[in-house]
């Protein structure tokens, strides 16, 4: 599936920080893949605003990612749980159909 910068950041935020040994190995690999390369970081010119705890960048980069069923399941479950509790945020709107509906 193709993800842009904001979608990559949203997915990173949704990945669990605890779990089984095997699942955490998969999460680590997914985090590494979703992370930004040095070239991307230079091109996007990330700026962190400490006062508002936000990140800004210049432009956008869209990349293709292939996630296995475990990672897709983790993100889907988290999105579905947030949806049920009405806790989805605007940053989740574009990734929701990619993970819940299986749009690729």
PDB file of N, CA and C in Angstrom:
ATOM      1  N   UNK A   1       0.837  -1.174   0.000  1.00  0.00           N
ATOM      2  CA  UNK A   1       0.000   0.000   0.000  1.00  0.00           C
ATOM      3  C   UNK A   1       0.882   1.237   0.000  1.00  0.00           C
ATOM      4  N   UNK A   2       0.400   2.289  -0.636  1.00  0.00           N
ATOM      5  CA  UNK A   2       1.144   3.542  -0.682  1.00  0.00           C
ATOM      6  C   UNK A   2       0.754   4.391   0.522  1.00  0.00           C
ATOM      7  N   UNK A   3       1.779   4.966   1.157  1.00  0.00           N
ATOM      8  CA  UNK A   3       1.569   5.857   2.300  1.00  0.00           C
ATOM      9  C   UNK A   3       2.394   7.119   2.107  1.00  0.00           C
ATOM     10  N   UNK A   4       1.793   8.255   2.440  1.00  0.00           N
ATOM     11  CA  UNK A   4       2.533   9.510   2.390  1.00  0.00           C
ATOM     12  C   UNK A   4       3.110   9.792   3.782  1.00  0.00           C
ATOM     13  N   UNK A   5       3.717  10.942   3.960  1.00  0.00           N
ATOM     14  CA  UNK A   5       4.411  11.267   5.206  1.00  0.00           C
ATOM     15  C   UNK A   5       3.461  11.238   6.398  1.00  0.00           C
ATOM     16  N   UNK A   6       2.336  11.924   6.322  1.00  0.00           N
ATOM     17  CA  UNK A   6       1.420  11.965   7.469  1.00  0.00           C
ATOM     18  C   UNK A   6       0.831  10.593   7.769  1.00  0.00           C
ATOM     19  N   UNK A   7       0.592   9.789   6.734  1.00  0.00           N
ATOM     20  CA  UNK A   7       0.068   8.440   6.943  1.00  0.00           C
ATOM     21  C   UNK A   7       1.108   7.550   7.622  1.00  0.00           C
ATOM     22  N   UNK A   8       2.361   7.697   7.231  1.00  0.00           N
ATOM     23  CA  UNK A   8       3.433   6.927   7.868  1.00  0.00           C
ATOM     24  C   UNK A   8       3.534   7.265   9.346  1.00  0.00           C
ATOM     25  N   UNK A   9       3.446   8.551   9.668  1.00  0.00           N
ATOM     26  CA  UNK A   9       3.504   8.969  11.062  1.00  0.00           C
ATOM     27  C   UNK A   9       2.304   8.432  11.846  1.00  0.00           C
ATOM     28  N   UNK A  10       1.128   8.435  11.221  1.00  0.00           N
ATOM     29  CA  UNK A  10      -0.075   7.928  11.884  1.00  0.00           C
ATOM     30  C   UNK A  10       0.038   6.427  12.149  1.00  0.00           C
ATOM     31  N   UNK A  11       0.542   5.680  11.182  1.00  0.00           N
ATOM     32  CA  UNK A  11       0.692   4.229  11.368  1.00  0.00           C
ATOM     33  C   UNK A  11       1.731   3.953  12.458  1.00  0.00           C
ATOM     34  N   UNK A  12       2.823   4.679  12.461  1.00  0.00           N
ATOM     35  CA  UNK A  12       3.837   4.507  13.511  1.00  0.00           C
ATOM     36  C   UNK A  12       3.216   4.699  14.891  1.00  0.00           C
ATOM     37  N   UNK A  13       2.337   5.677  15.007  1.00  0.00           N
ATOM     38  CA  UNK A  13       1.685   5.974  16.284  1.00  0.00           C
ATOM     39  C   UNK A  13       0.727   4.865  16.702  1.00  0.00           C
ATOM     40  N   UNK A  14       0.174   4.140  15.735  1.00  0.00           N
ATOM     41  CA  UNK A  14      -0.801   3.084  16.034  1.00  0.00           C
ATOM     42  C   UNK A  14      -0.164   1.740  16.373  1.00  0.00           C
ATOM     43  N   UNK A  15       1.086   1.552  16.038  1.00  0.00           N
ATOM     44  CA  UNK A  15       1.742   0.276  16.323  1.00  0.00           C
ATOM     45  C   UNK A  15       1.919   0.096  17.831  1.00  0.00           C
ATOM     46  N   UNK A  16       1.696  -1.117  18.319  1.00  0.00           N
ATOM     47  CA  UNK A  16       1.787  -1.351  19.771  1.00  0.00           C
ATOM     48  C   UNK A  16       3.215  -1.219  20.292  1.00  0.00           C
ATOM     49  N   UNK A  17       3.319  -0.923  21.575  1.00  0.00           N
ATOM     50  CA  UNK A  17       4.628  -0.818  22.227  1.00  0.00           C
ATOM     51  C   UNK A  17       4.870  -1.985  23.178  1.00  0.00           C
ATOM     52  N   UNK A  18       3.909  -2.892  23.274  1.00  0.00           N
ATOM     53  CA  UNK A  18       4.077  -4.093  24.087  1.00  0.00           C
ATOM     54  C   UNK A  18       3.381  -5.252  23.385  1.00  0.00           C
ATOM     55  N   UNK A  19       3.797  -6.447  23.722  1.00  0.00           N
ATOM     56  CA  UNK A  19       3.219  -7.631  23.106  1.00  0.00           C
ATOM     57  C   UNK A  19       4.158  -8.811  23.253  1.00  0.00           C
ATOM     58  N   UNK A  20       3.888  -9.851  22.499  1.00  0.00           N
ATOM     59  CA  UNK A  20       4.740 -11.037  22.557  1.00  0.00           C
ATOM     60  C   UNK A  20       6.083 -10.749  21.890  1.00  0.00           C
ATOM     61  N   UNK A  21       7.051 -11.590  22.187  1.00  0.00           N
ATOM     62  CA  UNK A  21       8.385 -11.444  21.609  1.00  0.00           C
ATOM     63  C   UNK A  21       8.323 -11.440  20.084  1.00  0.00           C
ATOM     64  N   UNK A  22       7.605 -12.409  19.514  1.00  0.00           N
ATOM     65  CA  UNK A  22       7.533 -12.508  18.049  1.00  0.00           C
ATOM     66  C   UNK A  22       6.831 -11.302  17.440  1.00  0.00           C
ATOM     67  N   UNK A  23       5.731 -10.868  18.063  1.00  0.00           N
ATOM     68  CA  UNK A  23       5.022  -9.710  17.522  1.00  0.00           C
ATOM     69  C   UNK A  23       5.854  -8.441  17.626  1.00  0.00           C
ATOM     70  N   UNK A  24       6.585  -8.287  18.730  1.00  0.00           N
ATOM     71  CA  UNK A  24       7.425  -7.095  18.866  1.00  0.00           C
ATOM     72  C   UNK A  24       8.560  -7.080  17.848  1.00  0.00           C
ATOM     73  N   UNK A  25       9.056  -8.238  17.459  1.00  0.00           N
ATOM     74  CA  UNK A  25      10.059  -8.279  16.392  1.00  0.00           C
ATOM     75  C   UNK A  25       9.458  -7.778  15.086  1.00  0.00           C
ATOM     76  N   UNK A  26       8.214  -8.180  14.805  1.00  0.00           N
ATOM     77  CA  UNK A  26       7.538  -7.708  13.594  1.00  0.00           C
ATOM     78  C   UNK A  26       7.271  -6.211  13.660  1.00  0.00           C
ATOM     79  N   UNK A  27       6.875  -5.731  14.834  1.00  0.00           N
ATOM     80  CA  UNK A  27       6.626  -4.297  15.018  1.00  0.00           C
ATOM     81  C   UNK A  27       7.914  -3.519  14.807  1.00  0.00           C
ATOM     82  N   UNK A  28       9.023  -4.026  15.336  1.00  0.00           N
ATOM     83  CA  UNK A  28      10.308  -3.343  15.152  1.00  0.00           C
ATOM     84  C   UNK A  28      10.651  -3.231  13.672  1.00  0.00           C
ATOM     85  N   UNK A  29      10.454  -4.318  12.931  1.00  0.00           N
ATOM     86  CA  UNK A  29      10.732  -4.295  11.491  1.00  0.00           C
ATOM     87  C   UNK A  29       9.820  -3.296  10.772  1.00  0.00           C
ATOM     88  N   UNK A  30       8.538  -3.268  11.149  1.00  0.00           N
ATOM     89  CA  UNK A  30       7.602  -2.325  10.524  1.00  0.00           C
ATOM     90  C   UNK A  30       8.002  -0.885  10.842  1.00  0.00           C
ATOM     91  N   UNK A  31       8.399  -0.625  12.081  1.00  0.00           N
ATOM     92  CA  UNK A  31       8.838   0.717  12.464  1.00  0.00           C
ATOM     93  C   UNK A  31      10.070   1.145  11.665  1.00  0.00           C
ATOM     94  N   UNK A  32      10.998   0.226  11.487  1.00  0.00           N
ATOM     95  CA  UNK A  32      12.202   0.534  10.717  1.00  0.00           C
ATOM     96  C   UNK A  32      11.856   0.849   9.269  1.00  0.00           C
ATOM     97  N   UNK A  33      10.942   0.072   8.697  1.00  0.00           N
ATOM     98  CA  UNK A  33      10.554   0.309   7.309  1.00  0.00           C
ATOM     99  C   UNK A  33       9.811   1.639   7.154  1.00  0.00           C
ATOM    100  N   UNK A  34       8.946   1.967   8.128  1.00  0.00           N
ATOM    101  CA  UNK A  34       8.175   3.208   8.069  1.00  0.00           C
ATOM    102  C   UNK A  34       9.013   4.440   8.374  1.00  0.00           C
ATOM    103  N   UNK A  35      10.138   4.239   9.037  1.00  0.00           N
ATOM    104  CA  UNK A  35      11.006   5.375   9.383  1.00  0.00           C
ATOM    105  C   UNK A  35      11.529   6.042   8.115  1.00  0.00           C
ATOM    106  N   UNK A  36      11.991   7.259   8.282  1.00  0.00           N
ATOM    107  CA  UNK A  36      12.443   8.051   7.152  1.00  0.00           C
ATOM    108  C   UNK A  36      13.937   7.888   6.949  1.00  0.00           C
ATOM    109  N   UNK A  37      14.314   7.737   5.693  1.00  0.00           N
ATOM    110  CA  UNK A  37      15.733   7.631   5.357  1.00  0.00           C
ATOM    111  C   UNK A  37      16.388   8.995   5.534  1.00  0.00           C
ATOM    112  N   UNK A  38      17.708   9.013   5.545  1.00  0.00           N
ATOM    113  CA  UNK A  38      18.429  10.270   5.655  1.00  0.00           C
ATOM    114  C   UNK A  38      18.087  11.183   4.476  1.00  0.00           C
ATOM    115  N   UNK A  39      17.998  10.594   3.291  1.00  0.00           N
ATOM    116  CA  UNK A  39      17.652  11.370   2.093  1.00  0.00           C
ATOM    117  C   UNK A  39      16.252  11.979   2.224  1.00  0.00           C
ATOM    118  N   UNK A  40      15.291  11.194   2.691  1.00  0.00           N
ATOM    119  CA  UNK A  40      13.924  11.704   2.877  1.00  0.00           C
ATOM    120  C   UNK A  40      13.900  12.817   3.920  1.00  0.00           C
ATOM    121  N   UNK A  41      14.634  12.617   5.007  1.00  0.00           N
ATOM    122  CA  UNK A  41      14.673  13.606   6.085  1.00  0.00           C
ATOM    123  C   UNK A  41      15.221  14.936   5.588  1.00  0.00           C
ATOM    124  N   UNK A  42      16.272  14.878   4.786  1.00  0.00           N
ATOM    125  CA  UNK A  42      16.840  16.112   4.236  1.00  0.00           C
ATOM    126  C   UNK A  42      15.872  16.773   3.268  1.00  0.00           C
ATOM    127  N   UNK A  43      15.228  15.976   2.439  1.00  0.00           N
ATOM    128  CA  UNK A  43      14.301  16.516   1.441  1.00  0.00           C
ATOM    129  C   UNK A  43      13.069  17.145   2.105  1.00  0.00           C
ATOM    130  N   UNK A  44      12.567  16.509   3.151  1.00  0.00           N
ATOM    131  CA  UNK A  44      11.340  16.979   3.805  1.00  0.00           C
ATOM    132  C   UNK A  44      11.575  18.109   4.805  1.00  0.00           C
ATOM    133  N   UNK A  45      12.810  18.311   5.224  1.00  0.00           N
ATOM    134  CA  UNK A  45      13.161  19.402   6.143  1.00  0.00           C
ATOM    135  C   UNK A  45      12.261  19.411   7.381  1.00  0.00           C
ATOM    136  N   UNK A  46      12.217  18.313   8.112  1.00  0.00           N
ATOM    137  CA  UNK A  46      11.393  18.213   9.318  1.00  0.00           C
ATOM    138  C   UNK A  46      11.770  19.273  10.339  1.00  0.00           C
ATOM    139  N   UNK A  47      10.756  19.878  10.963  1.00  0.00           N
ATOM    140  CA  UNK A  47      10.953  20.853  12.032  1.00  0.00           C
ATOM    141  C   UNK A  47      10.007  20.476  13.164  1.00  0.00           C
ATOM    142  N   UNK A  48      10.552  20.337  14.378  1.00  0.00           N
ATOM    143  CA  UNK A  48       9.734  20.021  15.545  1.00  0.00           C
ATOM    144  C   UNK A  48       9.516  21.284  16.344  1.00  0.00           C
ATOM    145  N   UNK A  49       8.250  21.556  16.649  1.00  0.00           N
ATOM    146  CA  UNK A  49       7.885  22.700  17.482  1.00  0.00           C
ATOM    147  C   UNK A  49       7.676  22.170  18.895  1.00  0.00           C
ATOM    148  N   UNK A  50       8.642  22.425  19.772  1.00  0.00           N
ATOM    149  CA  UNK A  50       8.592  21.903  21.140  1.00  0.00           C
ATOM    150  C   UNK A  50       7.417  22.486  21.933  1.00  0.00           C
ATOM    151  N   UNK A  51       7.049  23.712  21.640  1.00  0.00           N
ATOM    152  CA  UNK A  51       5.966  24.362  22.382  1.00  0.00           C
ATOM    153  C   UNK A  51       4.619  23.675  22.145  1.00  0.00           C
ATOM    154  N   UNK A  52       4.386  23.250  20.900  1.00  0.00           N
ATOM    155  CA  UNK A  52       3.097  22.622  20.574  1.00  0.00           C
ATOM    156  C   UNK A  52       3.214  21.113  20.387  1.00  0.00           C
ATOM    157  N   UNK A  53       4.451  20.590  20.490  1.00  0.00           N
ATOM    158  CA  UNK A  53       4.713  19.165  20.309  1.00  0.00           C
ATOM    159  C   UNK A  53       4.199  18.663  18.954  1.00  0.00           C
ATOM    160  N   UNK A  54       4.476  19.437  17.915  1.00  0.00           N
ATOM    161  CA  UNK A  54       4.070  19.074  16.556  1.00  0.00           C
ATOM    162  C   UNK A  54       5.287  19.024  15.641  1.00  0.00           C
ATOM    163  N   UNK A  55       5.105  18.328  14.536  1.00  0.00           N
ATOM    164  CA  UNK A  55       6.162  18.212  13.534  1.00  0.00           C
ATOM    165  C   UNK A  55       5.619  18.759  12.217  1.00  0.00           C
ATOM    166  N   UNK A  56       6.436  19.564  11.546  1.00  0.00           N
ATOM    167  CA  UNK A  56       6.088  20.093  10.221  1.00  0.00           C
ATOM    168  C   UNK A  56       7.158  19.654   9.249  1.00  0.00           C
ATOM    169  N   UNK A  57       6.795  19.677   7.973  1.00  0.00           N
ATOM    170  CA  UNK A  57       7.760  19.317   6.935  1.00  0.00           C
ATOM    171  C   UNK A  57       7.380  20.018   5.649  1.00  0.00           C
ATOM    172  N   UNK A  58       8.311  20.024   4.704  1.00  0.00           N
ATOM    173  CA  UNK A  58       8.126  20.666   3.409  1.00  0.00           C
ATOM    174  C   UNK A  58       7.906  19.571   2.371  1.00  0.00           C
ATOM    175  N   UNK A  59       6.843  19.690   1.584  1.00  0.00           N
ATOM    176  CA  UNK A  59       6.582  18.728   0.522  1.00  0.00           C
ATOM    177  C   UNK A  59       5.983  17.433   1.032  1.00  0.00           C
ATOM    178  N   UNK A  60       6.027  16.431   0.198  1.00  0.00           N
ATOM    179  CA  UNK A  60       5.473  15.131   0.559  1.00  0.00           C
ATOM    180  C   UNK A  60       6.188  14.048  -0.256  1.00  0.00           C
ATOM    181  N   UNK A  61       6.270  12.887   0.317  1.00  0.00           N
ATOM    182  CA  UNK A  61       6.847  11.720  -0.355  1.00  0.00           C
ATOM    183  C   UNK A  61       5.885  10.566  -0.126  1.00  0.00           C
ATOM    184  N   UNK A  62       5.543   9.894  -1.187  1.00  0.00           N
ATOM    185  CA  UNK A  62       4.694   8.714  -1.066  1.00  0.00           C
ATOM    186  C   UNK A  62       5.536   7.495  -1.426  1.00  0.00           C
ATOM    187  N   UNK A  63       5.468   6.478  -0.561  1.00  0.00           N
ATOM    188  CA  UNK A  63       6.233   5.252  -0.799  1.00  0.00           C
ATOM    189  C   UNK A  63       5.327   4.042  -0.691  1.00  0.00           C
ATOM    190  N   UNK A  64       5.733   2.995  -1.349  1.00  0.00           N
ATOM    191  CA  UNK A  64       5.006   1.717  -1.315  1.00  0.00           C
ATOM    192  C   UNK A  64       5.518   0.888  -0.137  1.00  0.00           C
ATOM    193  N   UNK A  65       4.577   0.320   0.630  1.00  0.00           N
ATOM    194  CA  UNK A  65       4.908  -0.530   1.766  1.00  0.00           C
ATOM    195  C   UNK A  65       4.144  -1.837   1.645  1.00  0.00           C
ATOM    196  N   UNK A  66       4.787  -2.917   2.071  1.00  0.00           N
ATOM    197  CA  UNK A  66       4.138  -4.215   2.103  1.00  0.00           C
ATOM    198  C   UNK A  66       4.200  -4.725   3.534  1.00  0.00           C
ATOM    199  N   UNK A  67       3.035  -4.832   4.158  1.00  0.00           N
ATOM    200  CA  UNK A  67       2.954  -5.320   5.525  1.00  0.00           C
ATOM    201  C   UNK A  67       2.353  -6.717   5.525  1.00  0.00           C
ATOM    202  N   UNK A  68       2.823  -7.545   6.438  1.00  0.00           N
ATOM    203  CA  UNK A  68       2.277  -8.878   6.590  1.00  0.00           C
ATOM    204  C   UNK A  68       0.955  -8.839   7.336  1.00  0.00           C
ATOM    205  N   UNK A  69       0.281  -9.976   7.414  1.00  0.00           N
ATOM    206  CA  UNK A  69      -1.035 -10.031   8.052  1.00  0.00           C
ATOM    207  C   UNK A  69      -1.017  -9.661   9.538  1.00  0.00           C
ATOM    208  N   UNK A  70       0.083  -9.917  10.231  1.00  0.00           N
ATOM    209  CA  UNK A  70       0.139  -9.592  11.664  1.00  0.00           C
ATOM    210  C   UNK A  70       0.124  -8.087  11.876  1.00  0.00           C
ATOM    211  N   UNK A  71       0.948  -7.363  11.144  1.00  0.00           N
ATOM    212  CA  UNK A  71       0.998  -5.901  11.286  1.00  0.00           C
ATOM    213  C   UNK A  71      -0.312  -5.278  10.808  1.00  0.00           C
ATOM    214  N   UNK A  72      -0.828  -5.751   9.690  1.00  0.00           N
ATOM    215  CA  UNK A  72      -2.114  -5.227   9.205  1.00  0.00           C
ATOM    216  C   UNK A  72      -3.194  -5.476  10.247  1.00  0.00           C
ATOM    217  N   UNK A  73      -3.182  -6.658  10.849  1.00  0.00           N
ATOM    218  CA  UNK A  73      -4.161  -6.976  11.886  1.00  0.00           C
ATOM    219  C   UNK A  73      -4.041  -6.078  13.100  1.00  0.00           C
ATOM    220  N   UNK A  74      -2.812  -5.797  13.535  1.00  0.00           N
ATOM    221  CA  UNK A  74      -2.598  -4.919  14.690  1.00  0.00           C
ATOM    222  C   UNK A  74      -3.145  -3.524  14.435  1.00  0.00           C
ATOM    223  N   UNK A  75      -2.799  -2.975  13.276  1.00  0.00           N
ATOM    224  CA  UNK A  75      -3.251  -1.613  12.954  1.00  0.00           C
ATOM    225  C   UNK A  75      -4.762  -1.596  12.752  1.00  0.00           C
ATOM    226  N   UNK A  76      -5.303  -2.609  12.071  1.00  0.00           N
ATOM    227  CA  UNK A  76      -6.752  -2.693  11.845  1.00  0.00           C
ATOM    228  C   UNK A  76      -7.519  -2.773  13.153  1.00  0.00           C
ATOM    229  N   UNK A  77      -7.032  -3.611  14.067  1.00  0.00           N
ATOM    230  CA  UNK A  77      -7.703  -3.756  15.363  1.00  0.00           C
ATOM    231  C   UNK A  77      -7.694  -2.449  16.147  1.00  0.00           C
ATOM    232  N   UNK A  78      -6.575  -1.760  16.112  1.00  0.00           N
ATOM    233  CA  UNK A  78      -6.481  -0.481  16.827  1.00  0.00           C
ATOM    234  C   UNK A  78      -7.424   0.549  16.215  1.00  0.00           C
ATOM    235  N   UNK A  79      -7.448   0.619  14.889  1.00  0.00           N
ATOM    236  CA  UNK A  79      -8.357   1.562  14.223  1.00  0.00           C
ATOM    237  C   UNK A  79      -9.814   1.210  14.512  1.00  0.00           C
ATOM    238  N   UNK A  80     -10.155  -0.065  14.433  1.00  0.00           N
ATOM    239  CA  UNK A  80     -11.536  -0.497  14.685  1.00  0.00           C
ATOM    240  C   UNK A  80     -11.945  -0.187  16.127  1.00  0.00           C
ATOM    241  N   UNK A  81     -11.037  -0.415  17.078  1.00  0.00           N
ATOM    242  CA  UNK A  81     -11.341  -0.127  18.484  1.00  0.00           C
ATOM    243  C   UNK A  81     -11.545   1.369  18.699  1.00  0.00           C
ATOM    244  N   UNK A  82     -10.703   2.177  18.067  1.00  0.00           N
ATOM    245  CA  UNK A  82     -10.870   3.638  18.186  1.00  0.00           C
ATOM    246  C   UNK A  82     -12.158   4.101  17.524  1.00  0.00           C
ATOM    247  N   UNK A  83     -12.508   3.471  16.405  1.00  0.00           N
ATOM    248  CA  UNK A  83     -13.750   3.816  15.727  1.00  0.00           C
ATOM    249  C   UNK A  83     -14.953   3.504  16.620  1.00  0.00           C
ATOM    250  N   UNK A  84     -14.942   2.337  17.215  1.00  0.00           N
ATOM    251  CA  UNK A  84     -16.048   1.915  18.080  1.00  0.00           C
ATOM    252  C   UNK A  84     -16.211   2.856  19.273  1.00  0.00           C
ATOM    253  N   UNK A  85     -15.096   3.337  19.812  1.00  0.00           N
ATOM    254  CA  UNK A  85     -15.132   4.249  20.958  1.00  0.00           C
ATOM    255  C   UNK A  85     -15.227   5.713  20.536  1.00  0.00           C
ATOM    256  N   UNK A  86     -15.357   5.942  19.224  1.00  0.00           N
ATOM    257  CA  UNK A  86     -15.407   7.290  18.648  1.00  0.00           C
ATOM    258  C   UNK A  86     -14.163   8.105  19.016  1.00  0.00           C
ATOM    259  N   UNK A  87     -13.013   7.457  18.888  1.00  0.00           N
ATOM    260  CA  UNK A  87     -11.744   8.095  19.203  1.00  0.00           C
ATOM    261  C   UNK A  87     -10.841   8.279  17.983  1.00  0.00           C
ATOM    262  N   UNK A  88     -11.387   8.062  16.787  1.00  0.00           N
ATOM    263  CA  UNK A  88     -10.598   8.312  15.584  1.00  0.00           C
ATOM    264  C   UNK A  88     -10.322   9.805  15.467  1.00  0.00           C
ATOM    265  N   UNK A  89      -9.193  10.126  14.875  1.00  0.00           N
ATOM    266  CA  UNK A  89      -8.825  11.520  14.662  1.00  0.00           C
ATOM    267  C   UNK A  89      -8.692  11.767  13.173  1.00  0.00           C
ATOM    268  N   UNK A  90      -8.635  13.015  12.769  1.00  0.00           N
ATOM    269  CA  UNK A  90      -8.548  13.346  11.348  1.00  0.00           C
ATOM    270  C   UNK A  90      -7.350  12.681  10.678  1.00  0.00           C
ATOM    271  N   UNK A  91      -6.252  12.520  11.413  1.00  0.00           N
ATOM    272  CA  UNK A  91      -5.066  11.905  10.814  1.00  0.00           C
ATOM    273  C   UNK A  91      -5.274  10.435  10.464  1.00  0.00           C
ATOM    274  N   UNK A  92      -6.338   9.824  10.984  1.00  0.00           N
ATOM    275  CA  UNK A  92      -6.639   8.422  10.702  1.00  0.00           C
ATOM    276  C   UNK A  92      -7.553   8.230   9.487  1.00  0.00           C
ATOM    277  N   UNK A  93      -8.148   9.294   8.990  1.00  0.00           N
ATOM    278  CA  UNK A  93      -9.134   9.179   7.912  1.00  0.00           C
ATOM    279  C   UNK A  93      -8.582   8.516   6.647  1.00  0.00           C
ATOM    280  N   UNK A  94      -7.396   8.878   6.241  1.00  0.00           N
ATOM    281  CA  UNK A  94      -6.876   8.328   4.982  1.00  0.00           C
ATOM    282  C   UNK A  94      -6.302   6.920   5.137  1.00  0.00           C
ATOM    283  N   UNK A  95      -5.885   6.550   6.347  1.00  0.00           N
ATOM    284  CA  UNK A  95      -5.342   5.193   6.516  1.00  0.00           C
ATOM    285  C   UNK A  95      -6.430   4.184   6.876  1.00  0.00           C
ATOM    286  N   UNK A  96      -7.542   4.646   7.405  1.00  0.00           N
ATOM    287  CA  UNK A  96      -8.620   3.734   7.813  1.00  0.00           C
ATOM    288  C   UNK A  96      -9.043   2.801   6.676  1.00  0.00           C
ATOM    289  N   UNK A  97      -9.385   3.315   5.505  1.00  0.00           N
ATOM    290  CA  UNK A  97      -9.806   2.392   4.433  1.00  0.00           C
ATOM    291  C   UNK A  97      -8.672   1.494   3.930  1.00  0.00           C
ATOM    292  N   UNK A  98      -7.450   1.934   4.072  1.00  0.00           N
ATOM    293  CA  UNK A  98      -6.325   1.116   3.605  1.00  0.00           C
ATOM    294  C   UNK A  98      -6.125  -0.107   4.488  1.00  0.00           C
ATOM    295  N   UNK A  99      -6.406   0.017   5.776  1.00  0.00           N
ATOM    296  CA  UNK A  99      -6.209  -1.091   6.690  1.00  0.00           C
ATOM    297  C   UNK A  99      -7.510  -1.831   7.004  1.00  0.00           C
ATOM    298  N   UNK A 100      -8.607  -1.121   7.124  1.00  0.00           N
ATOM    299  CA  UNK A 100      -9.872  -1.773   7.485  1.00  0.00           C
ATOM    300  C   UNK A 100     -10.521  -2.427   6.282  1.00  0.00           C
ATOM    301  N   UNK A 101     -10.583  -1.714   5.186  1.00  0.00           N
ATOM    302  CA  UNK A 101     -11.250  -2.245   3.990  1.00  0.00           C
ATOM    303  C   UNK A 101     -10.289  -3.039   3.114  1.00  0.00           C
ATOM    304  N   UNK A 102      -9.024  -3.027   3.460  1.00  0.00           N
ATOM    305  CA  UNK A 102      -8.051  -3.780   2.672  1.00  0.00           C
ATOM    306  C   UNK A 102      -7.689  -3.095   1.355  1.00  0.00           C
ATOM    307  N   UNK A 103      -7.980  -1.815   1.235  1.00  0.00           N
ATOM    308  CA  UNK A 103      -7.633  -1.058   0.023  1.00  0.00           C
ATOM    309  C   UNK A 103      -6.119  -0.993  -0.079  1.00  0.00           C
ATOM    310  N   UNK A 104      -5.577  -1.336  -1.238  1.00  0.00           N
ATOM    311  CA  UNK A 104      -4.113  -1.357  -1.378  1.00  0.00           C
ATOM    312  C   UNK A 104      -3.651  -0.574  -2.572  1.00  0.00           C
TER     313      UNK A 104
END
